[in-house]
Amino acid sequence: MSTIINLTDINQGKAYQVSGFKNHPSAYTEKLHKMGFVEGTPIALAPVKLSDPIVFQIRGSRIALRKNEAKQILVQELKDA
């Protein structure tokens, strides 16, 4: 099983999936959940050269999150991707 890391620690070109949230439940994590950050959902770093915010590809969309927001999301690398 893969190690669970913060969304801010993912690398370009690798596939990940959402594993949960650091501070769940909270109003902000509920908002993220409604935006598509659901456990088991594939997520990747978008090929955009920004450092803050960070742009992610999830559910066919690109979503930009500030680093302090993205740190609330936990992911794990998909080994077979």
C-alpha atoms as a PDB file:
ATOM      1  CA  MET A   1       0.000   0.000   0.000  1.00  0.00           C
ATOM      2  CA  SER A   2       1.225   3.501  -0.851  1.00  0.00           C
ATOM      3  CA  THR A   3       2.190   6.099   1.689  1.00  0.00           C
ATOM      4  CA  ILE A   4      -0.368   8.831   2.306  1.00  0.00           C
ATOM      5  CA  ILE A   5       1.042  12.313   1.667  1.00  0.00           C
ATOM      6  CA  ASN A   6      -0.206  15.896   1.427  1.00  0.00           C
ATOM      7  CA  LEU A   7      -1.484  17.026  -1.952  1.00  0.00           C
ATOM      8  CA  THR A   8       1.258  19.682  -1.970  1.00  0.00           C
ATOM      9  CA  ASP A   9       3.909  16.918  -2.134  1.00  0.00           C
ATOM     10  CA  ILE A  10       2.821  15.272  -5.404  1.00  0.00           C
ATOM     11  CA  ASN A  11       5.072  15.140  -8.471  1.00  0.00           C
ATOM     12  CA  GLN A  12       4.402  15.947 -12.119  1.00  0.00           C
ATOM     13  CA  GLY A  13       3.794  12.901 -14.321  1.00  0.00           C
ATOM     14  CA  LYS A  14       2.607  10.599 -11.529  1.00  0.00           C
ATOM     15  CA  ALA A  15      -0.960   9.554 -10.787  1.00  0.00           C
ATOM     16  CA  TYR A  16      -2.531   9.840  -7.346  1.00  0.00           C
ATOM     17  CA  GLN A  17      -5.886   9.367  -5.712  1.00  0.00           C
ATOM     18  CA  VAL A  18      -7.596  11.307  -2.960  1.00  0.00           C
ATOM     19  CA  SER A  19      -7.369   9.484   0.383  1.00  0.00           C
ATOM     20  CA  GLY A  20      -9.163  11.936   2.660  1.00  0.00           C
ATOM     21  CA  PHE A  21      -8.660  15.155   4.593  1.00  0.00           C
ATOM     22  CA  LYS A  22      -6.523  16.231   7.544  1.00  0.00           C
ATOM     23  CA  ASN A  23      -9.262  18.164   9.340  1.00  0.00           C
ATOM     24  CA  HIS A  24     -12.430  16.301   8.513  1.00  0.00           C
ATOM     25  CA  PRO A  25     -15.170  17.292   9.030  1.00  0.00           C
ATOM     26  CA  SER A  26     -14.958  21.042   8.624  1.00  0.00           C
ATOM     27  CA  ALA A  27     -16.785  23.588   6.518  1.00  0.00           C
ATOM     28  CA  TYR A  28     -13.796  23.834   4.175  1.00  0.00           C
ATOM     29  CA  THR A  29     -13.389  20.082   3.689  1.00  0.00           C
ATOM     30  CA  GLU A  30     -17.115  19.844   2.913  1.00  0.00           C
ATOM     31  CA  LYS A  31     -16.603  22.514   0.232  1.00  0.00           C
ATOM     32  CA  LEU A  32     -13.651  20.572  -1.219  1.00  0.00           C
ATOM     33  CA  HIS A  33     -15.759  17.408  -1.207  1.00  0.00           C
ATOM     34  CA  LYS A  34     -18.468  19.209  -3.214  1.00  0.00           C
ATOM     35  CA  MET A  35     -15.788  20.386  -5.685  1.00  0.00           C
ATOM     36  CA  GLY A  36     -14.902  16.751  -6.453  1.00  0.00           C
ATOM     37  CA  PHE A  37     -12.196  15.917  -3.912  1.00  0.00           C
ATOM     38  CA  VAL A  38     -13.802  12.599  -3.012  1.00  0.00           C
ATOM     39  CA  GLU A  39     -11.922   9.629  -1.572  1.00  0.00           C
ATOM     40  CA  GLY A  40     -10.705   7.344  -4.382  1.00  0.00           C
ATOM     41  CA  THR A  41     -10.860  10.045  -7.079  1.00  0.00           C
ATOM     42  CA  PRO A  42      -7.789  10.214  -9.363  1.00  0.00           C
ATOM     43  CA  ILE A  43      -5.870  13.499  -9.221  1.00  0.00           C
ATOM     44  CA  ALA A  44      -2.732  14.811 -10.927  1.00  0.00           C
ATOM     45  CA  LEU A  45      -0.635  17.933 -11.029  1.00  0.00           C
ATOM     46  CA  ALA A  46      -1.622  20.033 -14.056  1.00  0.00           C
ATOM     47  CA  PRO A  47       1.173  21.085 -16.435  1.00  0.00           C
ATOM     48  CA  VAL A  48       1.016  24.722 -15.320  1.00  0.00           C
ATOM     49  CA  LYS A  49       4.089  26.542 -14.039  1.00  0.00           C
ATOM     50  CA  LEU A  50       2.805  28.225 -10.882  1.00  0.00           C
ATOM     51  CA  SER A  51       4.067  27.743  -7.362  1.00  0.00           C
ATOM     52  CA  ASP A  52       1.143  29.226  -5.424  1.00  0.00           C
ATOM     53  CA  PRO A  53      -1.608  28.533  -6.277  1.00  0.00           C
ATOM     54  CA  ILE A  54      -1.045  24.963  -7.467  1.00  0.00           C
ATOM     55  CA  VAL A  55      -3.211  23.696 -10.326  1.00  0.00           C
ATOM     56  CA  PHE A  56      -4.600  20.153 -10.192  1.00  0.00           C
ATOM     57  CA  GLN A  57      -6.482  18.022 -12.692  1.00  0.00           C
ATOM     58  CA  ILE A  58      -9.436  16.208 -11.151  1.00  0.00           C
ATOM     59  CA  ARG A  59     -12.628  14.834 -12.700  1.00  0.00           C
ATOM     60  CA  GLY A  60     -11.878  16.425 -16.086  1.00  0.00           C
ATOM     61  CA  SER A  61     -11.392  19.902 -14.616  1.00  0.00           C
ATOM     62  CA  ARG A  62      -8.501  22.028 -13.484  1.00  0.00           C
ATOM     63  CA  ILE A  63      -8.742  23.450  -9.995  1.00  0.00           C
ATOM     64  CA  ALA A  64      -6.291  25.920  -8.458  1.00  0.00           C
ATOM     65  CA  LEU A  65      -5.704  25.770  -4.708  1.00  0.00           C
ATOM     66  CA  ARG A  66      -3.387  27.741  -2.474  1.00  0.00           C
ATOM     67  CA  LYS A  67      -0.712  25.612  -0.811  1.00  0.00           C
ATOM     68  CA  ASN A  68      -2.252  26.049   2.641  1.00  0.00           C
ATOM     69  CA  GLU A  69      -5.591  24.801   1.231  1.00  0.00           C
ATOM     70  CA  ALA A  70      -4.036  21.853  -0.618  1.00  0.00           C
ATOM     71  CA  LYS A  71      -2.253  20.736   2.568  1.00  0.00           C
ATOM     72  CA  GLN A  72      -5.664  19.737   3.949  1.00  0.00           C
ATOM     73  CA  ILE A  73      -6.041  17.052   1.247  1.00  0.00           C
ATOM     74  CA  LEU A  74      -4.362  13.657   1.657  1.00  0.00           C
ATOM     75  CA  VAL A  75      -3.451  11.508  -1.373  1.00  0.00           C
ATOM     76  CA  GLN A  76      -1.619   8.318  -2.223  1.00  0.00           C
ATOM     77  CA  GLU A  77       0.271   7.437  -5.386  1.00  0.00           C
ATOM     78  CA  LEU A  78      -1.296   4.963  -7.794  1.00  0.00           C
ATOM     79  CA  LYS A  79       1.405   2.407  -8.538  1.00  0.00           C
ATOM     80  CA  ASP A  80      -0.204   0.913 -11.677  1.00  0.00           C
ATOM     81  CA  ALA A  81      -0.808   4.239 -13.434  1.00  0.00           C
END
